[in-house]
Every structure is written in structure tokens, then in C-alpha cells.
């Protein structure tokens, strides 16, 4: 940078600061304008719930699929059953939950899909419990 560019650079910096200050004053208000009052929200706006109101995902591993579905239905939700080896299980009475989403203890809401991964009961009996 040569000496002739220094005043030009200084001018740009000063102009930038002036524009920034002017915009800040427009957005936030000048020193003569009082700040808008802070109005607290009424207590009814904040949701209040107790731990008893929170529904959590139960542990469903190794339960029969129908029993797991019933347990989810009792909580007011619907579970989607996905077979992990579709060629091996035709009778739904033989399905056992081998995986679940969300995991046990997760808070449930209507926006959370509930998936039960099932396998034949004979497959689960050959594996050790987690």
C-alpha cells in the first residue's frame, strides 16, 4: 500500500463507521428516545406441566409385537412395525421386538414417529439379552 492510498482507506473506514452508527440509531432508537417498556408475559403463556404429564417411551425389547403395540396404544400413540427379515416371518404372532425408536426413556410427542423393529421369536431366543 502506498502513501496515496492511506487517506482513501481512512475515508472508507470513517464512512463505514458513520453508516453503521446511523443504522444502529435508526434500529435501536436515538439517545432521546426512551427504550420501549418491558412487559412481562402473563403466567398463562408459559406452559406448565408436571413430570406426571410427560409420557416417556417404555422399554419394549423382547416383548411380543402385539403386546408392545398395545402398550404404545395405551399411552395414546401408534407404533409402526418394521420386519427386519421380511422373508422369515409371516405370522405376526411370532414377531418379537428386537429394536425400537425412540429409545426407552425418551419423551414422546405426536411429532415423533414410533418404530418397532421385529424379528421371529426363534431368532431372538438365540441371542443373548443386551
C-alpha atoms as a PDB file:
ATOM      1  CA  UNK A   1       0.000   0.000   0.000  1.00  0.00           C
ATOM      2  CA  UNK A   2       1.486   3.346  -0.949  1.00  0.00           C
ATOM      3  CA  UNK A   3       1.017   6.681   0.840  1.00  0.00           C
ATOM      4  CA  UNK A   4      -1.616   7.946  -1.591  1.00  0.00           C
ATOM      5  CA  UNK A   5      -3.949   5.056  -0.698  1.00  0.00           C
ATOM      6  CA  UNK A   6      -3.852   5.654   3.087  1.00  0.00           C
ATOM      7  CA  UNK A   7      -6.163   8.728   3.098  1.00  0.00           C
ATOM      8  CA  UNK A   8      -8.595   6.943   0.803  1.00  0.00           C
ATOM      9  CA  UNK A   9      -8.657   3.892   3.095  1.00  0.00           C
ATOM     10  CA  UNK A  10      -9.127   6.117   6.162  1.00  0.00           C
ATOM     11  CA  UNK A  11     -12.053   7.840   4.422  1.00  0.00           C
ATOM     12  CA  UNK A  12     -13.718   4.488   3.706  1.00  0.00           C
ATOM     13  CA  UNK A  13     -13.267   3.365   7.316  1.00  0.00           C
ATOM     14  CA  UNK A  14     -14.731   6.615   8.710  1.00  0.00           C
ATOM     15  CA  UNK A  15     -17.656   6.481   6.280  1.00  0.00           C
ATOM     16  CA  UNK A  16     -18.323   2.851   7.204  1.00  0.00           C
ATOM     17  CA  UNK A  17     -18.371   3.704  10.904  1.00  0.00           C
ATOM     18  CA  UNK A  18     -20.706   6.642  10.262  1.00  0.00           C
ATOM     19  CA  UNK A  19     -23.131   4.479   8.277  1.00  0.00           C
ATOM     20  CA  UNK A  20     -23.033   1.792  10.969  1.00  0.00           C
ATOM     21  CA  UNK A  21     -23.765   4.365  13.689  1.00  0.00           C
ATOM     22  CA  UNK A  22     -26.638   5.855  11.685  1.00  0.00           C
ATOM     23  CA  UNK A  23     -28.222   2.451  11.072  1.00  0.00           C
ATOM     24  CA  UNK A  24     -27.808   1.489  14.708  1.00  0.00           C
ATOM     25  CA  UNK A  25     -29.559   4.689  15.781  1.00  0.00           C
ATOM     26  CA  UNK A  26     -32.420   4.011  13.368  1.00  0.00           C
ATOM     27  CA  UNK A  27     -32.868   0.445  14.529  1.00  0.00           C
ATOM     28  CA  UNK A  28     -32.334   0.899  18.260  1.00  0.00           C
ATOM     29  CA  UNK A  29     -33.548   4.463  18.626  1.00  0.00           C
ATOM     30  CA  UNK A  30     -31.590   7.567  19.468  1.00  0.00           C
ATOM     31  CA  UNK A  31     -30.441   8.694  22.916  1.00  0.00           C
ATOM     32  CA  UNK A  32     -33.504  10.992  23.268  1.00  0.00           C
ATOM     33  CA  UNK A  33     -35.968   8.185  22.663  1.00  0.00           C
ATOM     34  CA  UNK A  34     -36.842   6.102  25.711  1.00  0.00           C
ATOM     35  CA  UNK A  35     -36.472   2.374  25.426  1.00  0.00           C
ATOM     36  CA  UNK A  36     -39.739   0.526  24.935  1.00  0.00           C
ATOM     37  CA  UNK A  37     -41.098  -0.812  28.206  1.00  0.00           C
ATOM     38  CA  UNK A  38     -40.531  -4.458  29.003  1.00  0.00           C
ATOM     39  CA  UNK A  39     -43.876  -6.103  29.541  1.00  0.00           C
ATOM     40  CA  UNK A  40     -43.755  -9.461  31.315  1.00  0.00           C
ATOM     41  CA  UNK A  41     -45.792 -12.194  29.703  1.00  0.00           C
ATOM     42  CA  UNK A  42     -48.815 -13.379  31.617  1.00  0.00           C
ATOM     43  CA  UNK A  43     -48.366 -16.594  33.540  1.00  0.00           C
ATOM     44  CA  UNK A  44     -50.853 -18.369  31.289  1.00  0.00           C
ATOM     45  CA  UNK A  45     -48.495 -18.084  28.298  1.00  0.00           C
ATOM     46  CA  UNK A  46     -45.809 -20.291  29.802  1.00  0.00           C
ATOM     47  CA  UNK A  47     -46.811 -23.949  29.631  1.00  0.00           C
ATOM     48  CA  UNK A  48     -46.777 -25.667  32.948  1.00  0.00           C
ATOM     49  CA  UNK A  49     -46.645 -29.397  33.326  1.00  0.00           C
ATOM     50  CA  UNK A  50     -45.511 -31.831  35.915  1.00  0.00           C
ATOM     51  CA  UNK A  51     -43.413 -34.927  35.449  1.00  0.00           C
ATOM     52  CA  UNK A  52     -46.633 -36.930  35.605  1.00  0.00           C
ATOM     53  CA  UNK A  53     -47.776 -35.197  32.379  1.00  0.00           C
ATOM     54  CA  UNK A  54     -44.674 -36.259  30.445  1.00  0.00           C
ATOM     55  CA  UNK A  55     -45.011 -39.536  28.551  1.00  0.00           C
ATOM     56  CA  UNK A  56     -41.808 -41.494  28.011  1.00  0.00           C
ATOM     57  CA  UNK A  57     -41.084 -44.382  25.708  1.00  0.00           C
ATOM     58  CA  UNK A  58     -41.199 -47.710  27.558  1.00  0.00           C
ATOM     59  CA  UNK A  59     -38.610 -50.448  27.060  1.00  0.00           C
ATOM     60  CA  UNK A  60     -40.159 -52.904  24.625  1.00  0.00           C
ATOM     61  CA  UNK A  61     -37.237 -55.157  23.683  1.00  0.00           C
ATOM     62  CA  UNK A  62     -38.016 -58.894  23.636  1.00  0.00           C
ATOM     63  CA  UNK A  63     -41.761 -58.297  24.051  1.00  0.00           C
ATOM     64  CA  UNK A  64     -44.215 -59.789  21.601  1.00  0.00           C
ATOM     65  CA  UNK A  65     -45.118 -57.273  18.900  1.00  0.00           C
ATOM     66  CA  UNK A  66     -48.830 -57.258  19.764  1.00  0.00           C
ATOM     67  CA  UNK A  67     -48.090 -56.608  23.445  1.00  0.00           C
ATOM     68  CA  UNK A  68     -45.686 -53.788  22.526  1.00  0.00           C
ATOM     69  CA  UNK A  69     -48.270 -52.219  20.211  1.00  0.00           C
ATOM     70  CA  UNK A  70     -50.890 -52.404  22.967  1.00  0.00           C
ATOM     71  CA  UNK A  71     -48.534 -50.742  25.428  1.00  0.00           C
ATOM     72  CA  UNK A  72     -47.896 -47.887  22.985  1.00  0.00           C
ATOM     73  CA  UNK A  73     -51.632 -47.579  22.250  1.00  0.00           C
ATOM     74  CA  UNK A  74     -52.329 -47.307  25.991  1.00  0.00           C
ATOM     75  CA  UNK A  75     -50.086 -44.217  26.007  1.00  0.00           C
ATOM     76  CA  UNK A  76     -52.142 -42.677  23.189  1.00  0.00           C
ATOM     77  CA  UNK A  77     -49.703 -43.320  20.328  1.00  0.00           C
ATOM     78  CA  UNK A  78     -49.481 -45.603  17.316  1.00  0.00           C
ATOM     79  CA  UNK A  79     -46.413 -47.674  16.523  1.00  0.00           C
ATOM     80  CA  UNK A  80     -45.259 -48.698  13.062  1.00  0.00           C
ATOM     81  CA  UNK A  81     -43.926 -52.256  12.899  1.00  0.00           C
ATOM     82  CA  UNK A  82     -40.984 -52.959  10.601  1.00  0.00           C
ATOM     83  CA  UNK A  83     -39.846 -56.512   9.947  1.00  0.00           C
ATOM     84  CA  UNK A  84     -36.053 -56.835   9.933  1.00  0.00           C
ATOM     85  CA  UNK A  85     -36.106 -60.065   7.928  1.00  0.00           C
ATOM     86  CA  UNK A  86     -39.344 -59.981   5.927  1.00  0.00           C
ATOM     87  CA  UNK A  87     -38.870 -63.359   4.295  1.00  0.00           C
ATOM     88  CA  UNK A  88     -38.681 -65.165   7.623  1.00  0.00           C
ATOM     89  CA  UNK A  89     -41.824 -64.160   9.490  1.00  0.00           C
ATOM     90  CA  UNK A  90     -45.292 -64.472   8.092  1.00  0.00           C
ATOM     91  CA  UNK A  91     -47.329 -64.885  11.276  1.00  0.00           C
ATOM     92  CA  UNK A  92     -47.496 -61.641  13.317  1.00  0.00           C
ATOM     93  CA  UNK A  93     -47.991 -63.710  16.487  1.00  0.00           C
ATOM     94  CA  UNK A  94     -44.373 -64.854  16.159  1.00  0.00           C
ATOM     95  CA  UNK A  95     -42.915 -61.327  16.000  1.00  0.00           C
ATOM     96  CA  UNK A  96     -40.766 -60.113  18.868  1.00  0.00           C
ATOM     97  CA  UNK A  97     -39.389 -56.598  19.304  1.00  0.00           C
ATOM     98  CA  UNK A  98     -35.648 -56.560  18.638  1.00  0.00           C
ATOM     99  CA  UNK A  99     -35.267 -52.790  18.367  1.00  0.00           C
ATOM    100  CA  UNK A 100     -37.225 -49.636  18.959  1.00  0.00           C
ATOM    101  CA  UNK A 101     -37.110 -45.985  18.067  1.00  0.00           C
ATOM    102  CA  UNK A 102     -37.110 -43.778  20.029  1.00  0.00           C
ATOM    103  CA  UNK A 103     -35.161 -45.473  22.781  1.00  0.00           C
ATOM    104  CA  UNK A 104     -36.515 -46.255  26.243  1.00  0.00           C
ATOM    105  CA  UNK A 105     -36.998 -43.186  28.440  1.00  0.00           C
ATOM    106  CA  UNK A 106     -37.294 -40.714  25.533  1.00  0.00           C
ATOM    107  CA  UNK A 107     -40.062 -38.134  25.862  1.00  0.00           C
ATOM    108  CA  UNK A 108     -42.842 -38.826  23.379  1.00  0.00           C
ATOM    109  CA  UNK A 109     -44.803 -36.286  21.380  1.00  0.00           C
ATOM    110  CA  UNK A 110     -47.189 -36.521  18.459  1.00  0.00           C
ATOM    111  CA  UNK A 111     -44.376 -35.400  16.126  1.00  0.00           C
ATOM    112  CA  UNK A 112     -42.140 -38.361  16.999  1.00  0.00           C
ATOM    113  CA  UNK A 113     -42.711 -41.491  14.898  1.00  0.00           C
ATOM    114  CA  UNK A 114     -42.573 -44.706  16.910  1.00  0.00           C
ATOM    115  CA  UNK A 115     -40.945 -47.648  15.147  1.00  0.00           C
ATOM    116  CA  UNK A 116     -40.773 -51.221  16.385  1.00  0.00           C
ATOM    117  CA  UNK A 117     -38.266 -53.495  14.645  1.00  0.00           C
ATOM    118  CA  UNK A 118     -39.388 -57.093  14.880  1.00  0.00           C
ATOM    119  CA  UNK A 119     -37.849 -60.484  14.145  1.00  0.00           C
ATOM    120  CA  UNK A 120     -39.086 -64.061  14.575  1.00  0.00           C
ATOM    121  CA  UNK A 121     -39.198 -65.152  18.201  1.00  0.00           C
ATOM    122  CA  UNK A 122     -36.821 -68.019  17.444  1.00  0.00           C
ATOM    123  CA  UNK A 123     -34.180 -65.525  16.233  1.00  0.00           C
ATOM    124  CA  UNK A 124     -34.328 -63.529  19.457  1.00  0.00           C
ATOM    125  CA  UNK A 125     -34.094 -66.622  21.657  1.00  0.00           C
ATOM    126  CA  UNK A 126     -30.728 -67.475  20.072  1.00  0.00           C
ATOM    127  CA  UNK A 127     -29.187 -64.113  21.028  1.00  0.00           C
ATOM    128  CA  UNK A 128     -28.066 -63.068  24.499  1.00  0.00           C
ATOM    129  CA  UNK A 129     -30.018 -60.247  26.176  1.00  0.00           C
ATOM    130  CA  UNK A 130     -28.372 -56.790  25.970  1.00  0.00           C
END
